[in-house]
PDB file of N, CA and C in Angstrom:
ATOM      1  N   MET A   1     117.947  73.279  80.886  1.00  0.00           N
ATOM      2  CA  MET A   1     116.535  73.275  80.732  1.00  0.00           C
ATOM      3  C   MET A   1     115.852  73.561  82.152  1.00  0.00           C
ATOM      4  N   THR A   2     116.676  73.049  83.326  1.00  0.00           N
ATOM      5  CA  THR A   2     115.849  73.355  84.629  1.00  0.00           C
ATOM      6  C   THR A   2     115.700  74.749  84.788  1.00  0.00           C
ATOM      7  N   PRO A   3     116.623  75.648  84.730  1.00  0.00           N
ATOM      8  CA  PRO A   3     116.471  77.162  85.176  1.00  0.00           C
ATOM      9  C   PRO A   3     115.076  77.614  84.457  1.00  0.00           C
ATOM     10  N   LEU A   4     115.031  77.312  83.265  1.00  0.00           N
ATOM     11  CA  LEU A   4     113.626  77.703  82.434  1.00  0.00           C
ATOM     12  C   LEU A   4     112.396  77.188  83.241  1.00  0.00           C
ATOM     13  N   PHE A   5     112.466  76.026  83.664  1.00  0.00           N
ATOM     14  CA  PHE A   5     111.217  75.426  84.263  1.00  0.00           C
ATOM     15  C   PHE A   5     111.197  76.136  85.645  1.00  0.00           C
ATOM     16  N   ALA A   6     112.354  76.465  86.241  1.00  0.00           N
ATOM     17  CA  ALA A   6     112.198  77.087  87.707  1.00  0.00           C
ATOM     18  C   ALA A   6     111.686  78.531  87.618  1.00  0.00           C
ATOM     19  N   CYS A   7     112.068  79.111  86.407  1.00  0.00           N
ATOM     20  CA  CYS A   7     111.722  80.555  86.348  1.00  0.00           C
ATOM     21  C   CYS A   7     110.217  80.773  86.043  1.00  0.00           C
ATOM     22  N   PHE A   8     109.567  79.553  85.378  1.00  0.00           N
ATOM     23  CA  PHE A   8     108.374  79.643  84.910  1.00  0.00           C
ATOM     24  C   PHE A   8     107.016  79.814  86.025  1.00  0.00           C
ATOM     25  N   PRO A   9     107.245  79.341  87.036  1.00  0.00           N
ATOM     26  CA  PRO A   9     106.263  79.546  88.247  1.00  0.00           C
ATOM     27  C   PRO A   9     106.369  81.165  88.722  1.00  0.00           C
ATOM     28  N   VAL A  10     107.615  81.567  88.857  1.00  0.00           N
ATOM     29  CA  VAL A  10     107.953  82.794  89.262  1.00  0.00           C
ATOM     30  C   VAL A  10     107.373  83.663  88.364  1.00  0.00           C
ATOM     31  N   CYS A  11     107.561  83.691  87.183  1.00  0.00           N
ATOM     32  CA  CYS A  11     107.097  84.688  86.279  1.00  0.00           C
ATOM     33  C   CYS A  11     105.561  84.662  86.017  1.00  0.00           C
ATOM     34  N   MET A  12     105.076  83.508  85.983  1.00  0.00           N
ATOM     35  CA  MET A  12     103.567  83.377  86.157  1.00  0.00           C
ATOM     36  C   MET A  12     102.951  84.154  87.537  1.00  0.00           C
ATOM     37  N   THR A  13     103.487  83.910  88.340  1.00  0.00           N
ATOM     38  CA  THR A  13     103.102  84.661  89.780  1.00  0.00           C
ATOM     39  C   THR A  13     103.169  86.027  89.524  1.00  0.00           C
ATOM     40  N   PHE A  14     104.386  86.669  89.067  1.00  0.00           N
ATOM     41  CA  PHE A  14     104.344  88.144  88.874  1.00  0.00           C
ATOM     42  C   PHE A  14     103.554  88.480  87.946  1.00  0.00           C
ATOM     43  N   THR A  15     103.074  87.756  86.776  1.00  0.00           N
ATOM     44  CA  THR A  15     102.209  88.113  85.676  1.00  0.00           C
ATOM     45  C   THR A  15     100.785  88.290  86.385  1.00  0.00           C
ATOM     46  N   VAL A  16     100.554  87.225  87.117  1.00  0.00           N
ATOM     47  CA  VAL A  16      99.167  87.307  87.700  1.00  0.00           C
ATOM     48  C   VAL A  16      98.806  88.231  88.790  1.00  0.00           C
ATOM     49  N   ILE A  17      99.830  88.788  89.562  1.00  0.00           N
ATOM     50  CA  ILE A  17      99.809  89.978  90.306  1.00  0.00           C
ATOM     51  C   ILE A  17      99.689  91.189  89.563  1.00  0.00           C
ATOM     52  N   LEU A  18     100.222  91.212  88.527  1.00  0.00           N
ATOM     53  CA  LEU A  18     100.269  92.429  87.738  1.00  0.00           C
ATOM     54  C   LEU A  18      98.915  92.486  86.823  1.00  0.00           C
ATOM     55  N   PHE A  19      98.449  91.329  86.480  1.00  0.00           N
ATOM     56  CA  PHE A  19      96.941  91.188  85.922  1.00  0.00           C
ATOM     57  C   PHE A  19      95.845  91.595  87.049  1.00  0.00           C
ATOM     58  N   ILE A  20      96.182  91.026  88.305  1.00  0.00           N
ATOM     59  CA  ILE A  20      95.281  91.568  89.129  1.00  0.00           C
ATOM     60  C   ILE A  20      95.175  92.993  89.715  1.00  0.00           C
ATOM     61  N   ALA A  21      96.368  93.624  89.586  1.00  0.00           N
ATOM     62  CA  ALA A  21      96.556  95.049  89.791  1.00  0.00           C
ATOM     63  C   ALA A  21      95.908  95.858  88.927  1.00  0.00           C
ATOM     64  N   LEU A  22      96.152  95.386  87.469  1.00  0.00           N
ATOM     65  CA  LEU A  22      95.578  96.250  86.626  1.00  0.00           C
ATOM     66  C   LEU A  22      93.808  96.018  86.653  1.00  0.00           C
ATOM     67  N   VAL A  23      93.337  94.818  86.894  1.00  0.00           N
ATOM     68  CA  VAL A  23      91.855  94.826  87.248  1.00  0.00           C
ATOM     69  C   VAL A  23      91.335  95.519  88.180  1.00  0.00           C
ATOM     70  N   VAL A  24      92.281  95.618  89.398  1.00  0.00           N
ATOM     71  CA  VAL A  24      91.690  96.676  90.418  1.00  0.00           C
ATOM     72  C   VAL A  24      91.789  98.089  90.078  1.00  0.00           C
ATOM     73  N   VAL A  25      92.915  98.526  89.287  1.00  0.00           N
ATOM     74  CA  VAL A  25      92.971  99.985  88.762  1.00  0.00           C
ATOM     75  C   VAL A  25      91.732 100.283  87.816  1.00  0.00           C
ATOM     76  N   VAL A  26      91.491  99.293  87.093  1.00  0.00           N
ATOM     77  CA  VAL A  26      90.240  99.609  85.885  1.00  0.00           C
ATOM     78  C   VAL A  26      89.056  99.749  86.637  1.00  0.00           C
ATOM     79  N   PHE A  27      88.665  98.783  87.653  1.00  0.00           N
ATOM     80  CA  PHE A  27      87.420  98.859  88.160  1.00  0.00           C
ATOM     81  C   PHE A  27      87.343 100.002  89.170  1.00  0.00           C
ATOM     82  N   ASP A  28      88.435 100.481  89.702  1.00  0.00           N
ATOM     83  CA  ASP A  28      88.711 101.822  90.618  1.00  0.00           C
ATOM     84  C   ASP A  28      88.170 103.048  89.667  1.00  0.00           C
ATOM     85  N   LEU A  29      88.944 102.945  88.534  1.00  0.00           N
ATOM     86  CA  LEU A  29      88.595 104.140  87.683  1.00  0.00           C
ATOM     87  C   LEU A  29      87.053 104.388  87.206  1.00  0.00           C
ATOM     88  N   THR A  30      86.585 103.046  86.813  1.00  0.00           N
ATOM     89  CA  THR A  30      85.133 103.021  86.229  1.00  0.00           C
ATOM     90  C   THR A  30      84.124 103.183  87.354  1.00  0.00           C
ATOM     91  N   ASN A  31      84.537 102.809  88.622  1.00  0.00           N
ATOM     92  CA  ASN A  31      83.230 102.892  89.609  1.00  0.00           C
ATOM     93  C   ASN A  31      83.498 104.118  90.593  1.00  0.00           C
ATOM     94  N   ARG A  32      83.934 105.415  89.943  1.00  0.00           N
ATOM     95  CA  ARG A  32      84.284 106.414  91.044  1.00  0.00           C
ATOM     96  C   ARG A  32      83.043 107.014  91.395  1.00  0.00           C
ATOM     97  N   ILE A  33      83.067 107.466  92.748  1.00  0.00           N
ATOM     98  CA  ILE A  33      81.898 107.905  93.434  1.00  0.00           C
ATOM     99  C   ILE A  33      81.864 109.651  93.115  1.00  0.00           C
ATOM    100  N   PRO A  34      80.715 110.083  92.431  1.00  0.00           N
ATOM    101  CA  PRO A  34      80.810 111.447  92.235  1.00  0.00           C
ATOM    102  C   PRO A  34      81.086 112.310  93.524  1.00  0.00           C
ATOM    103  N   GLY A  35      81.920 113.367  93.307  1.00  0.00           N
ATOM    104  CA  GLY A  35      82.201 114.144  94.222  1.00  0.00           C
ATOM    105  C   GLY A  35      83.378 113.885  95.281  1.00  0.00           C
ATOM    106  N   ASP A  36      83.943 112.807  94.882  1.00  0.00           N
ATOM    107  CA  ASP A  36      85.149 112.417  95.814  1.00  0.00           C
ATOM    108  C   ASP A  36      86.215 113.416  96.026  1.00  0.00           C
ATOM    109  N   ASP A  37      86.316 114.291  94.906  1.00  0.00           N
ATOM    110  CA  ASP A  37      87.475 115.149  95.096  1.00  0.00           C
ATOM    111  C   ASP A  37      87.028 116.557  95.710  1.00  0.00           C
ATOM    112  N   GLU A  38      85.752 116.761  96.029  1.00  0.00           N
ATOM    113  CA  GLU A  38      85.228 117.894  96.607  1.00  0.00           C
ATOM    114  C   GLU A  38      85.524 117.691  98.212  1.00  0.00           C
ATOM    115  N   PRO A  39      85.714 118.878  98.865  1.00  0.00           N
ATOM    116  CA  PRO A  39      85.832 118.873 100.225  1.00  0.00           C
ATOM    117  C   PRO A  39      84.700 118.425 100.927  1.00  0.00           C
ATOM    118  N   THR A  40      84.873 117.606 102.087  1.00  0.00           N
ATOM    119  CA  THR A  40      83.547 117.194 102.896  1.00  0.00           C
ATOM    120  C   THR A  40      83.114 118.188 104.055  1.00  0.00           C
ATOM    121  N   ALA A  41      81.784 117.927 104.255  1.00  0.00           N
ATOM    122  CA  ALA A  41      81.318 118.774 105.238  1.00  0.00           C
ATOM    123  C   ALA A  41      81.878 118.409 106.697  1.00  0.00           C
ATOM    124  N   PRO A  42      81.433 119.123 107.804  1.00  0.00           N
ATOM    125  CA  PRO A  42      82.034 118.600 109.007  1.00  0.00           C
ATOM    126  C   PRO A  42      81.572 117.146 109.333  1.00  0.00           C
ATOM    127  N   PRO A  43      82.415 116.584 110.179  1.00  0.00           N
ATOM    128  CA  PRO A  43      81.980 114.963 110.437  1.00  0.00           C
ATOM    129  C   PRO A  43      80.783 115.031 111.063  1.00  0.00           C
ATOM    130  N   VAL A  44      80.125 113.928 110.622  1.00  0.00           N
ATOM    131  CA  VAL A  44      78.523 113.512 111.177  1.00  0.00           C
ATOM    132  C   VAL A  44      78.618 112.350 111.506  1.00  0.00           C
ATOM    133  N   PRO A  45      77.753 111.639 112.368  1.00  0.00           N
ATOM    134  CA  PRO A  45      77.730 110.153 112.415  1.00  0.00           C
ATOM    135  C   PRO A  45      77.290 109.575 111.185  1.00  0.00           C
ATOM    136  N   ARG A  46      78.146 108.387 110.763  1.00  0.00           N
ATOM    137  CA  ARG A  46      77.908 107.833 109.540  1.00  0.00           C
ATOM    138  C   ARG A  46      76.858 106.835 109.594  1.00  0.00           C
ATOM    139  N   ASP A  47      76.015 106.808 108.629  1.00  0.00           N
ATOM    140  CA  ASP A  47      74.930 105.669 108.361  1.00  0.00           C
ATOM    141  C   ASP A  47      75.564 104.486 107.893  1.00  0.00           C
ATOM    142  N   PRO A  48      75.331 103.321 108.704  1.00  0.00           N
ATOM    143  CA  PRO A  48      75.948 101.947 108.326  1.00  0.00           C
ATOM    144  C   PRO A  48      75.711 101.479 106.943  1.00  0.00           C
ATOM    145  N   ASN A  49      74.357 102.102 106.408  1.00  0.00           N
ATOM    146  CA  ASN A  49      74.311 101.633 105.198  1.00  0.00           C
ATOM    147  C   ASN A  49      74.648 102.401 104.048  1.00  0.00           C
ATOM    148  N   GLN A  50      75.511 103.503 104.308  1.00  0.00           N
ATOM    149  CA  GLN A  50      76.048 104.493 103.452  1.00  0.00           C
ATOM    150  C   GLN A  50      76.983 103.837 102.464  1.00  0.00           C
ATOM    151  N   LYS A  51      77.180 103.967 101.287  1.00  0.00           N
ATOM    152  CA  LYS A  51      78.114 103.443 100.246  1.00  0.00           C
ATOM    153  C   LYS A  51      79.529 104.041 100.759  1.00  0.00           C
ATOM    154  N   MET A  52      80.659 103.226 100.804  1.00  0.00           N
ATOM    155  CA  MET A  52      81.885 103.869 101.213  1.00  0.00           C
ATOM    156  C   MET A  52      82.561 104.110  99.970  1.00  0.00           C
ATOM    157  N   GLY A  53      83.476 105.059  99.743  1.00  0.00           N
ATOM    158  CA  GLY A  53      84.492 105.561  98.736  1.00  0.00           C
ATOM    159  C   GLY A  53      85.562 104.591  98.773  1.00  0.00           C
ATOM    160  N   PRO A  54      86.365 104.764  97.680  1.00  0.00           N
ATOM    161  CA  PRO A  54      87.611 104.073  97.577  1.00  0.00           C
ATOM    162  C   PRO A  54      88.647 104.397  98.695  1.00  0.00           C
ATOM    163  N   PRO A  55      89.640 103.407  98.789  1.00  0.00           N
ATOM    164  CA  PRO A  55      90.635 103.926  99.821  1.00  0.00           C
ATOM    165  C   PRO A  55      91.441 104.970  99.293  1.00  0.00           C
ATOM    166  N   PRO A  56      92.457 105.447 100.253  1.00  0.00           N
ATOM    167  CA  PRO A  56      93.249 106.393  99.621  1.00  0.00           C
ATOM    168  C   PRO A  56      94.320 105.931  98.583  1.00  0.00           C
ATOM    169  N   TRP A  57      94.824 106.808  97.603  1.00  0.00           N
ATOM    170  CA  TRP A  57      95.588 106.385  96.579  1.00  0.00           C
ATOM    171  C   TRP A  57      96.854 105.559  96.908  1.00  0.00           C
ATOM    172  N   TRP A  58      97.390 105.688  98.125  1.00  0.00           N
ATOM    173  CA  TRP A  58      98.681 105.276  98.585  1.00  0.00           C
ATOM    174  C   TRP A  58      98.474 103.883  98.863  1.00  0.00           C
ATOM    175  N   VAL A  59      97.278 103.245  99.137  1.00  0.00           N
ATOM    176  CA  VAL A  59      97.176 101.883  99.699  1.00  0.00           C
ATOM    177  C   VAL A  59      97.553 100.999  98.540  1.00  0.00           C
ATOM    178  N   PHE A  60      97.094 101.154  97.289  1.00  0.00           N
ATOM    179  CA  PHE A  60      97.313 100.295  96.121  1.00  0.00           C
ATOM    180  C   PHE A  60      98.925 100.130  96.096  1.00  0.00           C
ATOM    181  N   PRO A  61      99.681 101.210  95.930  1.00  0.00           N
ATOM    182  CA  PRO A  61     101.213 100.736  96.023  1.00  0.00           C
ATOM    183  C   PRO A  61     101.684 100.131  97.217  1.00  0.00           C
ATOM    184  N   LEU A  62     101.200 100.446  98.150  1.00  0.00           N
ATOM    185  CA  LEU A  62     101.574  99.888  99.545  1.00  0.00           C
ATOM    186  C   LEU A  62     101.352  98.417  99.541  1.00  0.00           C
ATOM    187  N   MET A  63     100.269  98.035  99.042  1.00  0.00           N
ATOM    188  CA  MET A  63      99.985  96.485  98.875  1.00  0.00           C
ATOM    189  C   MET A  63     100.818  95.826  97.951  1.00  0.00           C
ATOM    190  N   LEU A  64     101.060  96.428  96.847  1.00  0.00           N
ATOM    191  CA  LEU A  64     102.041  95.762  95.931  1.00  0.00           C
ATOM    192  C   LEU A  64     103.449  95.740  96.535  1.00  0.00           C
ATOM    193  N   LEU A  65     103.959  96.763  97.001  1.00  0.00           N
ATOM    194  CA  LEU A  65     105.213  96.678  97.806  1.00  0.00           C
ATOM    195  C   LEU A  65     105.292  95.394  98.716  1.00  0.00           C
ATOM    196  N   ALA A  66     104.184  95.460  99.637  1.00  0.00           N
ATOM    197  CA  ALA A  66     104.038  94.429 100.699  1.00  0.00           C
ATOM    198  C   ALA A  66     104.232  93.062  99.823  1.00  0.00           C
ATOM    199  N   VAL A  67     103.546  92.725  98.936  1.00  0.00           N
ATOM    200  CA  VAL A  67     103.515  91.445  98.150  1.00  0.00           C
ATOM    201  C   VAL A  67     104.940  91.239  97.726  1.00  0.00           C
ATOM    202  N   ALA A  68     105.508  92.182  97.058  1.00  0.00           N
ATOM    203  CA  ALA A  68     106.922  92.251  96.471  1.00  0.00           C
ATOM    204  C   ALA A  68     107.792  91.771  97.400  1.00  0.00           C
ATOM    205  N   VAL A  69     107.875  92.312  98.568  1.00  0.00           N
ATOM    206  CA  VAL A  69     108.595  92.071  99.660  1.00  0.00           C
ATOM    207  C   VAL A  69     108.413  90.716 100.305  1.00  0.00           C
ATOM    208  N   PHE A  70     107.349  90.384 100.433  1.00  0.00           N
ATOM    209  CA  PHE A  70     106.880  89.008 100.771  1.00  0.00           C
ATOM    210  C   PHE A  70     107.738  87.916 100.038  1.00  0.00           C
ATOM    211  N   MET A  71     107.405  88.076  98.502  1.00  0.00           N
ATOM    212  CA  MET A  71     107.880  87.189  97.686  1.00  0.00           C
ATOM    213  C   MET A  71     109.439  87.260  97.608  1.00  0.00           C
ATOM    214  N   ALA A  72     109.929  88.486  97.774  1.00  0.00           N
ATOM    215  CA  ALA A  72     111.389  88.479  97.838  1.00  0.00           C
ATOM    216  C   ALA A  72     111.943  87.531  99.155  1.00  0.00           C
ATOM    217  N   VAL A  73     111.374  87.879 100.256  1.00  0.00           N
ATOM    218  CA  VAL A  73     111.749  86.980 101.406  1.00  0.00           C
ATOM    219  C   VAL A  73     111.542  85.471 101.201  1.00  0.00           C
ATOM    220  N   CYS A  74     110.435  85.106 100.674  1.00  0.00           N
ATOM    221  CA  CYS A  74     110.162  83.584 100.475  1.00  0.00           C
ATOM    222  C   CYS A  74     111.341  83.284  99.343  1.00  0.00           C
ATOM    223  N   ALA A  75     111.784  83.915  98.408  1.00  0.00           N
ATOM    224  CA  ALA A  75     112.667  83.604  97.352  1.00  0.00           C
ATOM    225  C   ALA A  75     113.917  83.445  98.191  1.00  0.00           C
ATOM    226  N   TRP A  76     114.290  84.305  99.070  1.00  0.00           N
ATOM    227  CA  TRP A  76     115.558  84.263  99.788  1.00  0.00           C
ATOM    228  C   TRP A  76     115.580  83.004 100.705  1.00  0.00           C
ATOM    229  N   ILE A  77     114.425  82.791 101.507  1.00  0.00           N
ATOM    230  CA  ILE A  77     114.443  81.681 102.372  1.00  0.00           C
ATOM    231  C   ILE A  77     114.349  80.179 101.715  1.00  0.00           C
ATOM    232  N   TRP A  78     113.567  80.332 100.617  1.00  0.00           N
ATOM    233  CA  TRP A  78     113.377  78.922  99.908  1.00  0.00           C
ATOM    234  C   TRP A  78     113.784  79.184  98.393  1.00  0.00           C
ATOM    235  N   PRO A  79     115.200  78.972  98.185  1.00  0.00           N
ATOM    236  CA  PRO A  79     115.524  79.137  96.696  1.00  0.00           C
ATOM    237  C   PRO A  79     115.156  77.969  95.954  1.00  0.00           C
ATOM    238  N   GLU A  80     115.042  78.182  94.586  1.00  0.00           N
ATOM    239  CA  GLU A  80     114.481  77.159  93.890  1.00  0.00           C
ATOM    240  C   GLU A  80     115.424  76.233  93.557  1.00  0.00           C
TER     241      GLU A  80
END
């Protein structure tokens, strides 16, 4: 019975990470800034009050990979 209880916190952690990732994706898709895919004009000084767009697409998978690597390192250092 102990392995079942040991698995529960790990499974819940990955489930919560997946849930947060899905929430981020949904909010990113619903709050798109019009004209994001169009080429931009030559660079001009940015107004500090200007609304910023979303980060590049590769930032999200990189964040998930970093969390997964961190969890794997922690699981290797502190086994249950």
